[in-house]
mmCIF file of all heavy atoms, coordinates in Angstrom:
data_MODEL
# 
_entry.id   MODEL 
# 
loop_
_atom_site.group_PDB 
_atom_site.id 
_atom_site.type_symbol 
_atom_site.label_atom_id 
_atom_site.label_alt_id 
_atom_site.label_comp_id 
_atom_site.label_asym_id 
_atom_site.label_entity_id 
_atom_site.label_seq_id 
_atom_site.pdbx_PDB_ins_code 
_atom_site.Cartn_x 
_atom_site.Cartn_y 
_atom_site.Cartn_z 
_atom_site.occupancy 
_atom_site.B_iso_or_equiv 
_atom_site.pdbx_formal_charge 
_atom_site.auth_seq_id 
_atom_site.auth_comp_id 
_atom_site.auth_asym_id 
_atom_site.auth_atom_id 
_atom_site.pdbx_PDB_model_num 
ATOM 1   N N   . VAL A 1 1  ? 3.076   -106.239 27.027 1.00 0.00 ? 1  VAL A N   1 
ATOM 2   C CA  . VAL A 1 1  ? 3.937   -106.737 25.943 1.00 0.00 ? 1  VAL A CA  1 
ATOM 3   C C   . VAL A 1 1  ? 4.706   -105.581 25.307 1.00 0.00 ? 1  VAL A C   1 
ATOM 4   O O   . VAL A 1 1  ? 5.897   -105.704 25.009 1.00 0.00 ? 1  VAL A O   1 
ATOM 5   C CB  . VAL A 1 1  ? 3.104   -107.516 24.895 1.00 0.00 ? 1  VAL A CB  1 
ATOM 6   C CG1 . VAL A 1 1  ? 3.933   -107.833 23.664 1.00 0.00 ? 1  VAL A CG1 1 
ATOM 7   C CG2 . VAL A 1 1  ? 2.534   -108.782 25.508 1.00 0.00 ? 1  VAL A CG2 1 
ATOM 8   N N   . ALA A 1 2  ? 4.053   -104.441 25.125 1.00 0.00 ? 2  ALA A N   1 
ATOM 9   C CA  . ALA A 1 2  ? 4.727   -103.272 24.555 1.00 0.00 ? 2  ALA A CA  1 
ATOM 10  C C   . ALA A 1 2  ? 5.864   -102.792 25.454 1.00 0.00 ? 2  ALA A C   1 
ATOM 11  O O   . ALA A 1 2  ? 6.926   -102.412 24.968 1.00 0.00 ? 2  ALA A O   1 
ATOM 12  C CB  . ALA A 1 2  ? 3.720   -102.150 24.326 1.00 0.00 ? 2  ALA A CB  1 
ATOM 13  N N   . ARG A 1 3  ? 5.653   -102.848 26.777 1.00 0.00 ? 3  ARG A N   1 
ATOM 14  C CA  . ARG A 1 3  ? 6.714   -102.434 27.707 1.00 0.00 ? 3  ARG A CA  1 
ATOM 15  C C   . ARG A 1 3  ? 7.906   -103.374 27.605 1.00 0.00 ? 3  ARG A C   1 
ATOM 16  O O   . ARG A 1 3  ? 9.055   -102.948 27.630 1.00 0.00 ? 3  ARG A O   1 
ATOM 17  C CB  . ARG A 1 3  ? 6.166   -102.409 29.127 1.00 0.00 ? 3  ARG A CB  1 
ATOM 18  C CG  . ARG A 1 3  ? 7.190   -102.207 30.219 1.00 0.00 ? 3  ARG A CG  1 
ATOM 19  C CD  . ARG A 1 3  ? 7.728   -100.777 30.322 1.00 0.00 ? 3  ARG A CD  1 
ATOM 20  N NE  . ARG A 1 3  ? 6.737   -99.801  30.665 1.00 0.00 ? 3  ARG A NE  1 
ATOM 21  C CZ  . ARG A 1 3  ? 6.441   -99.398  31.890 1.00 0.00 ? 3  ARG A CZ  1 
ATOM 22  N NH1 . ARG A 1 3  ? 7.086   -99.908  32.919 1.00 0.00 ? 3  ARG A NH1 1 
ATOM 23  N NH2 . ARG A 1 3  ? 5.522   -98.488  32.089 1.00 0.00 ? 3  ARG A NH2 1 
ATOM 24  N N   . VAL A 1 4  ? 7.645   -104.671 27.515 1.00 0.00 ? 4  VAL A N   1 
ATOM 25  C CA  . VAL A 1 4  ? 8.733   -105.646 27.389 1.00 0.00 ? 4  VAL A CA  1 
ATOM 26  C C   . VAL A 1 4  ? 9.503   -105.399 26.092 1.00 0.00 ? 4  VAL A C   1 
ATOM 27  O O   . VAL A 1 4  ? 10.737  -105.371 26.079 1.00 0.00 ? 4  VAL A O   1 
ATOM 28  C CB  . VAL A 1 4  ? 8.198   -107.092 27.440 1.00 0.00 ? 4  VAL A CB  1 
ATOM 29  C CG1 . VAL A 1 4  ? 9.292   -108.090 27.105 1.00 0.00 ? 4  VAL A CG1 1 
ATOM 30  C CG2 . VAL A 1 4  ? 7.591   -107.398 28.797 1.00 0.00 ? 4  VAL A CG2 1 
ATOM 31  N N   . ARG A 1 5  ? 8.791   -105.201 25.006 1.00 0.00 ? 5  ARG A N   1 
ATOM 32  C CA  . ARG A 1 5  ? 9.450   -104.970 23.718 1.00 0.00 ? 5  ARG A CA  1 
ATOM 33  C C   . ARG A 1 5  ? 10.236  -103.663 23.719 1.00 0.00 ? 5  ARG A C   1 
ATOM 34  O O   . ARG A 1 5  ? 11.297  -103.573 23.100 1.00 0.00 ? 5  ARG A O   1 
ATOM 35  C CB  . ARG A 1 5  ? 8.438   -105.018 22.582 1.00 0.00 ? 5  ARG A CB  1 
ATOM 36  C CG  . ARG A 1 5  ? 7.896   -106.433 22.382 1.00 0.00 ? 5  ARG A CG  1 
ATOM 37  C CD  . ARG A 1 5  ? 7.223   -106.599 21.053 1.00 0.00 ? 5  ARG A CD  1 
ATOM 38  N NE  . ARG A 1 5  ? 6.746   -107.956 20.875 1.00 0.00 ? 5  ARG A NE  1 
ATOM 39  C CZ  . ARG A 1 5  ? 7.490   -108.957 20.418 1.00 0.00 ? 5  ARG A CZ  1 
ATOM 40  N NH1 . ARG A 1 5  ? 8.747   -108.755 20.103 1.00 0.00 ? 5  ARG A NH1 1 
ATOM 41  N NH2 . ARG A 1 5  ? 6.983   -110.171 20.285 1.00 0.00 ? 5  ARG A NH2 1 
ATOM 42  N N   . ALA A 1 6  ? 9.745   -102.653 24.425 1.00 0.00 ? 6  ALA A N   1 
ATOM 43  C CA  . ALA A 1 6  ? 10.478  -101.389 24.520 1.00 0.00 ? 6  ALA A CA  1 
ATOM 44  C C   . ALA A 1 6  ? 11.763  -101.573 25.334 1.00 0.00 ? 6  ALA A C   1 
ATOM 45  O O   . ALA A 1 6  ? 12.802  -101.001 25.001 1.00 0.00 ? 6  ALA A O   1 
ATOM 46  C CB  . ALA A 1 6  ? 9.605   -100.315 25.154 1.00 0.00 ? 6  ALA A CB  1 
ATOM 47  N N   . ALA A 1 7  ? 11.694  -102.386 26.386 1.00 0.00 ? 7  ALA A N   1 
ATOM 48  C CA  . ALA A 1 7  ? 12.884  -102.618 27.220 1.00 0.00 ? 7  ALA A CA  1 
ATOM 49  C C   . ALA A 1 7  ? 13.930  -103.461 26.498 1.00 0.00 ? 7  ALA A C   1 
ATOM 50  O O   . ALA A 1 7  ? 15.101  -103.432 26.857 1.00 0.00 ? 7  ALA A O   1 
ATOM 51  C CB  . ALA A 1 7  ? 12.482  -103.299 28.524 1.00 0.00 ? 7  ALA A CB  1 
ATOM 52  N N   . THR A 1 8  ? 13.503  -104.217 25.493 1.00 0.00 ? 8  THR A N   1 
ATOM 53  C CA  . THR A 1 8  ? 14.424  -105.077 24.738 1.00 0.00 ? 8  THR A CA  1 
ATOM 54  C C   . THR A 1 8  ? 14.513  -104.619 23.278 1.00 0.00 ? 8  THR A C   1 
ATOM 55  O O   . THR A 1 8  ? 14.749  -105.441 22.388 1.00 0.00 ? 8  THR A O   1 
ATOM 56  C CB  . THR A 1 8  ? 13.954  -106.546 24.794 1.00 0.00 ? 8  THR A CB  1 
ATOM 57  O OG1 . THR A 1 8  ? 12.629  -106.627 24.251 1.00 0.00 ? 8  THR A OG1 1 
ATOM 58  C CG2 . THR A 1 8  ? 13.958  -107.076 26.207 1.00 0.00 ? 8  THR A CG2 1 
ATOM 59  N N   . SER A 1 9  ? 14.351  -103.339 23.045 1.00 0.00 ? 9  SER A N   1 
ATOM 60  C CA  . SER A 1 9  ? 14.264  -102.822 21.675 1.00 0.00 ? 9  SER A CA  1 
ATOM 61  C C   . SER A 1 9  ? 15.528  -103.057 20.860 1.00 0.00 ? 9  SER A C   1 
ATOM 62  O O   . SER A 1 9  ? 15.476  -103.103 19.635 1.00 0.00 ? 9  SER A O   1 
ATOM 63  C CB  . SER A 1 9  ? 13.931  -101.337 21.703 1.00 0.00 ? 9  SER A CB  1 
ATOM 64  O OG  . SER A 1 9  ? 14.955  -100.622 22.367 1.00 0.00 ? 9  SER A OG  1 
ATOM 65  N N   . PHE A 1 10 ? 16.673  -103.217 21.507 1.00 0.00 ? 10 PHE A N   1 
ATOM 66  C CA  . PHE A 1 10 ? 17.922  -103.421 20.774 1.00 0.00 ? 10 PHE A CA  1 
ATOM 67  C C   . PHE A 1 10 ? 18.119  -104.874 20.354 1.00 0.00 ? 10 PHE A C   1 
ATOM 68  O O   . PHE A 1 10 ? 19.050  -105.179 19.620 1.00 0.00 ? 10 PHE A O   1 
ATOM 69  C CB  . PHE A 1 10 ? 19.128  -102.950 21.605 1.00 0.00 ? 10 PHE A CB  1 
ATOM 70  C CG  . PHE A 1 10 ? 19.150  -103.507 22.994 1.00 0.00 ? 10 PHE A CG  1 
ATOM 71  C CD1 . PHE A 1 10 ? 19.769  -104.708 23.255 1.00 0.00 ? 10 PHE A CD1 1 
ATOM 72  C CD2 . PHE A 1 10 ? 18.532  -102.828 24.031 1.00 0.00 ? 10 PHE A CD2 1 
ATOM 73  C CE1 . PHE A 1 10 ? 19.781  -105.227 24.519 1.00 0.00 ? 10 PHE A CE1 1 
ATOM 74  C CE2 . PHE A 1 10 ? 18.542  -103.338 25.306 1.00 0.00 ? 10 PHE A CE2 1 
ATOM 75  C CZ  . PHE A 1 10 ? 19.170  -104.542 25.558 1.00 0.00 ? 10 PHE A CZ  1 
ATOM 76  N N   . LEU A 1 11 ? 17.254  -105.769 20.798 1.00 0.00 ? 11 LEU A N   1 
ATOM 77  C CA  . LEU A 1 11 ? 17.296  -107.164 20.351 1.00 0.00 ? 11 LEU A CA  1 
ATOM 78  C C   . LEU A 1 11 ? 16.454  -107.299 19.088 1.00 0.00 ? 11 LEU A C   1 
ATOM 79  O O   . LEU A 1 11 ? 15.569  -106.482 18.821 1.00 0.00 ? 11 LEU A O   1 
ATOM 80  C CB  . LEU A 1 11 ? 16.750  -108.092 21.434 1.00 0.00 ? 11 LEU A CB  1 
ATOM 81  C CG  . LEU A 1 11 ? 17.521  -108.165 22.741 1.00 0.00 ? 11 LEU A CG  1 
ATOM 82  C CD1 . LEU A 1 11 ? 16.798  -109.068 23.739 1.00 0.00 ? 11 LEU A CD1 1 
ATOM 83  C CD2 . LEU A 1 11 ? 18.934  -108.662 22.521 1.00 0.00 ? 11 LEU A CD2 1 
ATOM 84  N N   . ASP A 1 12 ? 16.705  -108.354 18.321 1.00 0.00 ? 12 ASP A N   1 
ATOM 85  C CA  . ASP A 1 12 ? 15.913  -108.627 17.124 1.00 0.00 ? 12 ASP A CA  1 
ATOM 86  C C   . ASP A 1 12 ? 14.510  -109.049 17.569 1.00 0.00 ? 12 ASP A C   1 
ATOM 87  O O   . ASP A 1 12 ? 14.321  -110.151 18.096 1.00 0.00 ? 12 ASP A O   1 
ATOM 88  C CB  . ASP A 1 12 ? 16.588  -109.728 16.301 1.00 0.00 ? 12 ASP A CB  1 
ATOM 89  C CG  . ASP A 1 12 ? 15.886  -109.997 14.995 1.00 0.00 ? 12 ASP A CG  1 
ATOM 90  O OD1 . ASP A 1 12 ? 14.802  -109.425 14.749 1.00 0.00 ? 12 ASP A OD1 1 
ATOM 91  O OD2 . ASP A 1 12 ? 16.420  -110.797 14.206 1.00 0.00 ? 12 ASP A OD2 1 
ATOM 92  N N   . GLN A 1 13 ? 13.526  -108.180 17.372 1.00 0.00 ? 13 GLN A N   1 
ATOM 93  C CA  . GLN A 1 13 ? 12.175  -108.417 17.878 1.00 0.00 ? 13 GLN A CA  1 
ATOM 94  C C   . GLN A 1 13 ? 11.496  -109.609 17.204 1.00 0.00 ? 13 GLN A C   1 
ATOM 95  O O   . GLN A 1 13 ? 10.579  -110.196 17.784 1.00 0.00 ? 13 GLN A O   1 
ATOM 96  C CB  . GLN A 1 13 ? 11.325  -107.154 17.711 1.00 0.00 ? 13 GLN A CB  1 
ATOM 97  C CG  . GLN A 1 13 ? 11.810  -105.987 18.543 1.00 0.00 ? 13 GLN A CG  1 
ATOM 98  C CD  . GLN A 1 13 ? 11.695  -106.257 20.036 1.00 0.00 ? 13 GLN A CD  1 
ATOM 99  O OE1 . GLN A 1 13 ? 10.652  -106.620 20.545 1.00 0.00 ? 13 GLN A OE1 1 
ATOM 100 N NE2 . GLN A 1 13 ? 12.807  -106.094 20.743 1.00 0.00 ? 13 GLN A NE2 1 
ATOM 101 N N   . SER A 1 14 ? 11.936  -109.988 16.014 1.00 0.00 ? 14 SER A N   1 
ATOM 102 C CA  . SER A 1 14 ? 11.333  -111.151 15.354 1.00 0.00 ? 14 SER A CA  1 
ATOM 103 C C   . SER A 1 14 ? 11.735  -112.463 16.046 1.00 0.00 ? 14 SER A C   1 
ATOM 104 O O   . SER A 1 14 ? 11.085  -113.489 15.848 1.00 0.00 ? 14 SER A O   1 
ATOM 105 C CB  . SER A 1 14 ? 11.730  -111.196 13.880 1.00 0.00 ? 14 SER A CB  1 
ATOM 106 O OG  . SER A 1 14 ? 13.121  -111.424 13.746 1.00 0.00 ? 14 SER A OG  1 
ATOM 107 N N   . LEU A 1 15 ? 12.795  -112.425 16.859 1.00 0.00 ? 15 LEU A N   1 
ATOM 108 C CA  . LEU A 1 15 ? 13.242  -113.617 17.583 1.00 0.00 ? 15 LEU A CA  1 
ATOM 109 C C   . LEU A 1 15 ? 12.791  -113.614 19.037 1.00 0.00 ? 15 LEU A C   1 
ATOM 110 O O   . LEU A 1 15 ? 13.155  -114.503 19.799 1.00 0.00 ? 15 LEU A O   1 
ATOM 111 C CB  . LEU A 1 15 ? 14.776  -113.713 17.519 1.00 0.00 ? 15 LEU A CB  1 
ATOM 112 C CG  . LEU A 1 15 ? 15.401  -113.739 16.126 1.00 0.00 ? 15 LEU A CG  1 
ATOM 113 C CD1 . LEU A 1 15 ? 16.919  -113.711 16.221 1.00 0.00 ? 15 LEU A CD1 1 
ATOM 114 C CD2 . LEU A 1 15 ? 14.933  -114.958 15.361 1.00 0.00 ? 15 LEU A CD2 1 
ATOM 115 N N   . LEU A 1 16 ? 11.988  -112.618 19.425 1.00 0.00 ? 16 LEU A N   1 
ATOM 116 C CA  . LEU A 1 16 ? 11.557  -112.435 20.808 1.00 0.00 ? 16 LEU A CA  1 
ATOM 117 C C   . LEU A 1 16 ? 10.093  -112.833 20.957 1.00 0.00 ? 16 LEU A C   1 
ATOM 118 O O   . LEU A 1 16 ? 9.248   -112.440 20.156 1.00 0.00 ? 16 LEU A O   1 
ATOM 119 C CB  . LEU A 1 16 ? 11.735  -110.963 21.209 1.00 0.00 ? 16 LEU A CB  1 
ATOM 120 C CG  . LEU A 1 16 ? 11.439  -110.603 22.643 1.00 0.00 ? 16 LEU A CG  1 
ATOM 121 C CD1 . LEU A 1 16 ? 12.612  -111.005 23.534 1.00 0.00 ? 16 LEU A CD1 1 
ATOM 122 C CD2 . LEU A 1 16 ? 11.187  -109.112 22.776 1.00 0.00 ? 16 LEU A CD2 1 
ATOM 123 N N   . THR A 1 17 ? 9.797   -113.635 21.981 1.00 0.00 ? 17 THR A N   1 
ATOM 124 C CA  . THR A 1 17 ? 8.425   -114.041 22.283 1.00 0.00 ? 17 THR A CA  1 
ATOM 125 C C   . THR A 1 17 ? 8.097   -113.613 23.700 1.00 0.00 ? 17 THR A C   1 
ATOM 126 O O   . THR A 1 17 ? 8.856   -113.887 24.628 1.00 0.00 ? 17 THR A O   1 
ATOM 127 C CB  . THR A 1 17 ? 8.270   -115.574 22.165 1.00 0.00 ? 17 THR A CB  1 
ATOM 128 O OG1 . THR A 1 17 ? 8.713   -115.990 20.882 1.00 0.00 ? 17 THR A OG1 1 
ATOM 129 C CG2 . THR A 1 17 ? 6.841   -115.995 22.385 1.00 0.00 ? 17 THR A CG2 1 
ATOM 130 N N   . VAL A 1 18 ? 6.958   -112.948 23.872 1.00 0.00 ? 18 VAL A N   1 
ATOM 131 C CA  . VAL A 1 18 ? 6.517   -112.486 25.186 1.00 0.00 ? 18 VAL A CA  1 
ATOM 132 C C   . VAL A 1 18 ? 5.194   -113.166 25.500 1.00 0.00 ? 18 VAL A C   1 
ATOM 133 O O   . VAL A 1 18 ? 4.268   -113.158 24.695 1.00 0.00 ? 18 VAL A O   1 
ATOM 134 C CB  . VAL A 1 18 ? 6.335   -110.951 25.215 1.00 0.00 ? 18 VAL A CB  1 
ATOM 135 C CG1 . VAL A 1 18 ? 5.902   -110.495 26.591 1.00 0.00 ? 18 VAL A CG1 1 
ATOM 136 C CG2 . VAL A 1 18 ? 7.609   -110.254 24.788 1.00 0.00 ? 18 VAL A CG2 1 
ATOM 137 N N   . THR A 1 19 ? 5.102   -113.771 26.694 1.00 0.00 ? 19 THR A N   1 
ATOM 138 C CA  . THR A 1 19 ? 3.889   -114.447 27.132 1.00 0.00 ? 19 THR A CA  1 
ATOM 139 C C   . THR A 1 19 ? 3.479   -113.887 28.486 1.00 0.00 ? 19 THR A C   1 
ATOM 140 O O   . THR A 1 19 ? 4.296   -113.824 29.401 1.00 0.00 ? 19 THR A O   1 
ATOM 141 C CB  . THR A 1 19 ? 4.128   -115.966 27.257 1.00 0.00 ? 19 THR A CB  1 
ATOM 142 O OG1 . THR A 1 19 ? 4.693   -116.448 26.045 1.00 0.00 ? 19 THR A OG1 1 
ATOM 143 C CG2 . THR A 1 19 ? 2.840   -116.698 27.546 1.00 0.00 ? 19 THR A CG2 1 
ATOM 144 N N   . VAL A 1 20 ? 2.203   -113.502 28.596 1.00 0.00 ? 20 VAL A N   1 
ATOM 145 C CA  . VAL A 1 20 ? 1.666   -112.992 29.860 1.00 0.00 ? 20 VAL A CA  1 
ATOM 146 C C   . VAL A 1 20 ? 0.600   -113.980 30.329 1.00 0.00 ? 20 VAL A C   1 
ATOM 147 O O   . VAL A 1 20 ? -0.368  -114.243 29.615 1.00 0.00 ? 20 VAL A O   1 
ATOM 148 C CB  . VAL A 1 20 ? 1.060   -111.580 29.686 1.00 0.00 ? 20 VAL A CB  1 
ATOM 149 C CG1 . VAL A 1 20 ? 0.532   -111.062 31.017 1.00 0.00 ? 20 VAL A CG1 1 
ATOM 150 C CG2 . VAL A 1 20 ? 2.079   -110.623 29.103 1.00 0.00 ? 20 VAL A CG2 1 
ATOM 151 N N   . THR A 1 21 ? 0.797   -114.546 31.509 1.00 0.00 ? 21 THR A N   1 
ATOM 152 C CA  . THR A 1 21 ? -0.163  -115.480 32.085 1.00 0.00 ? 21 THR A CA  1 
ATOM 153 C C   . THR A 1 21 ? -0.562  -115.009 33.478 1.00 0.00 ? 21 THR A C   1 
ATOM 154 O O   . THR A 1 21 ? 0.178   -114.276 34.130 1.00 0.00 ? 21 THR A O   1 
ATOM 155 C CB  . THR A 1 21 ? 0.403   -116.911 32.163 1.00 0.00 ? 21 THR A CB  1 
ATOM 156 O OG1 . THR A 1 21 ? 1.639   -116.885 32.875 1.00 0.00 ? 21 THR A OG1 1 
ATOM 157 C CG2 . THR A 1 21 ? 0.640   -117.487 30.774 1.00 0.00 ? 21 THR A CG2 1 
ATOM 158 N N   . CYS A 1 22 ? -1.741  -115.448 33.918 1.00 0.00 ? 22 CYS A N   1 
ATOM 159 C CA  . CYS A 1 22 ? -2.275  -115.020 35.212 1.00 0.00 ? 22 CYS A CA  1 
ATOM 160 C C   . CYS A 1 22 ? -2.690  -116.230 36.042 1.00 0.00 ? 22 CYS A C   1 
ATOM 161 O O   . CYS A 1 22 ? -3.029  -117.285 35.507 1.00 0.00 ? 22 CYS A O   1 
ATOM 162 C CB  . CYS A 1 22 ? -3.504  -114.129 35.007 1.00 0.00 ? 22 CYS A CB  1 
ATOM 163 S SG  . CYS A 1 22 ? -3.167  -112.638 34.078 1.00 0.00 ? 22 CYS A SG  1 
ATOM 164 N N   . SER A 1 23 ? -2.671  -116.034 37.346 1.00 0.00 ? 23 SER A N   1 
ATOM 165 C CA  . SER A 1 23 ? -3.148  -117.039 38.283 1.00 0.00 ? 23 SER A CA  1 
ATOM 166 C C   . SER A 1 23 ? -4.194  -116.377 39.178 1.00 0.00 ? 23 SER A C   1 
ATOM 167 O O   . SER A 1 23 ? -3.871  -115.487 39.958 1.00 0.00 ? 23 SER A O   1 
ATOM 168 C CB  . SER A 1 23 ? -1.989  -117.570 39.135 1.00 0.00 ? 23 SER A CB  1 
ATOM 169 O OG  . SER A 1 23 ? -2.482  -118.396 40.176 1.00 0.00 ? 23 SER A OG  1 
ATOM 170 N N   . HIS A 1 24 ? -5.437  -116.810 39.008 1.00 0.00 ? 24 HIS A N   1 
ATOM 171 C CA  . HIS A 1 24 ? -6.532  -116.237 39.780 1.00 0.00 ? 24 HIS A CA  1 
ATOM 172 C C   . HIS A 1 24 ? -6.805  -117.100 41.012 1.00 0.00 ? 24 HIS A C   1 
ATOM 173 O O   . HIS A 1 24 ? -6.890  -118.331 40.913 1.00 0.00 ? 24 HIS A O   1 
ATOM 174 C CB  . HIS A 1 24 ? -7.802  -116.145 38.933 1.00 0.00 ? 24 HIS A CB  1 
ATOM 175 C CG  . HIS A 1 24 ? -7.632  -115.318 37.694 1.00 0.00 ? 24 HIS A CG  1 
ATOM 176 N ND1 . HIS A 1 24 ? -7.489  -113.953 37.713 1.00 0.00 ? 24 HIS A ND1 1 
ATOM 177 C CD2 . HIS A 1 24 ? -7.566  -115.674 36.389 1.00 0.00 ? 24 HIS A CD2 1 
ATOM 178 C CE1 . HIS A 1 24 ? -7.353  -113.504 36.487 1.00 0.00 ? 24 HIS A CE1 1 
ATOM 179 N NE2 . HIS A 1 24 ? -7.394  -114.533 35.665 1.00 0.00 ? 24 HIS A NE2 1 
ATOM 180 N N   . ASN A 1 25 ? -6.932  -116.485 42.149 1.00 0.00 ? 25 ASN A N   1 
ATOM 181 C CA  . ASN A 1 25 ? -7.277  -117.164 43.403 1.00 0.00 ? 25 ASN A CA  1 
ATOM 182 C C   . ASN A 1 25 ? -6.357  -118.335 43.720 1.00 0.00 ? 25 ASN A C   1 
ATOM 183 O O   . ASN A 1 25 ? -6.805  -119.380 44.186 1.00 0.00 ? 25 ASN A O   1 
ATOM 184 C CB  . ASN A 1 25 ? -8.739  -117.640 43.375 1.00 0.00 ? 25 ASN A CB  1 
ATOM 185 C CG  . ASN A 1 25 ? -9.708  -116.503 43.205 1.00 0.00 ? 25 ASN A CG  1 
ATOM 186 O OD1 . ASN A 1 25 ? -9.489  -115.418 43.731 1.00 0.00 ? 25 ASN A OD1 1 
ATOM 187 N ND2 . ASN A 1 25 ? -10.779 -116.735 42.463 1.00 0.00 ? 25 ASN A ND2 1 
ATOM 188 N N   . GLY A 1 26 ? -5.092  -118.208 43.444 1.00 0.00 ? 26 GLY A N   1 
ATOM 189 C CA  . GLY A 1 26 ? -4.126  -119.255 43.773 1.00 0.00 ? 26 GLY A CA  1 
ATOM 190 C C   . GLY A 1 26 ? -4.158  -120.458 42.855 1.00 0.00 ? 26 GLY A C   1 
ATOM 191 O O   . GLY A 1 26 ? -3.528  -121.470 43.134 1.00 0.00 ? 26 GLY A O   1 
ATOM 192 N N   . GLY A 1 27 ? -4.871  -120.384 41.735 1.00 0.00 ? 27 GLY A N   1 
ATOM 193 C CA  . GLY A 1 27 ? -4.917  -121.490 40.783 1.00 0.00 ? 27 GLY A CA  1 
ATOM 194 C C   . GLY A 1 27 ? -3.679  -121.519 39.909 1.00 0.00 ? 27 GLY A C   1 
ATOM 195 O O   . GLY A 1 27 ? -2.717  -120.780 40.115 1.00 0.00 ? 27 GLY A O   1 
ATOM 196 N N   . GLY A 1 28 ? -3.702  -122.361 38.908 1.00 0.00 ? 28 GLY A N   1 
ATOM 197 C CA  . GLY A 1 28 ? -2.575  -122.460 37.988 1.00 0.00 ? 28 GLY A CA  1 
ATOM 198 C C   . GLY A 1 28 ? -2.532  -121.286 37.028 1.00 0.00 ? 28 GLY A C   1 
ATOM 199 O O   . GLY A 1 28 ? -3.505  -120.544 36.872 1.00 0.00 ? 28 GLY A O   1 
ATOM 200 N N   . PHE A 1 29 ? -1.405  -121.123 36.383 1.00 0.00 ? 29 PHE A N   1 
ATOM 201 C CA  . PHE A 1 29 ? -1.246  -120.025 35.433 1.00 0.00 ? 29 PHE A CA  1 
ATOM 202 C C   . PHE A 1 29 ? -1.865  -120.396 34.101 1.00 0.00 ? 29 PHE A C   1 
ATOM 203 O O   . PHE A 1 29 ? -1.685  -121.495 33.591 1.00 0.00 ? 29 PHE A O   1 
ATOM 204 C CB  . PHE A 1 29 ? 0.240   -119.691 35.243 1.00 0.00 ? 29 PHE A CB  1 
ATOM 205 C CG  . PHE A 1 29 ? 0.812   -118.897 36.375 1.00 0.00 ? 29 PHE A CG  1 
ATOM 206 C CD1 . PHE A 1 29 ? 1.407   -119.526 37.455 1.00 0.00 ? 29 PHE A CD1 1 
ATOM 207 C CD2 . PHE A 1 29 ? 0.741   -117.516 36.368 1.00 0.00 ? 29 PHE A CD2 1 
ATOM 208 C CE1 . PHE A 1 29 ? 1.931   -118.802 38.500 1.00 0.00 ? 29 PHE A CE1 1 
ATOM 209 C CE2 . PHE A 1 29 ? 1.261   -116.773 37.408 1.00 0.00 ? 29 PHE A CE2 1 
ATOM 210 C CZ  . PHE A 1 29 ? 1.858   -117.414 38.480 1.00 0.00 ? 29 PHE A CZ  1 
# 
């Protein structure tokens, strides 16, 4: 999330939402 926010630092961070999801063993995210 910190890397994403650093890459988009010139955008208004209060309007930015970052979601990280995973899929284990081919299941759903």
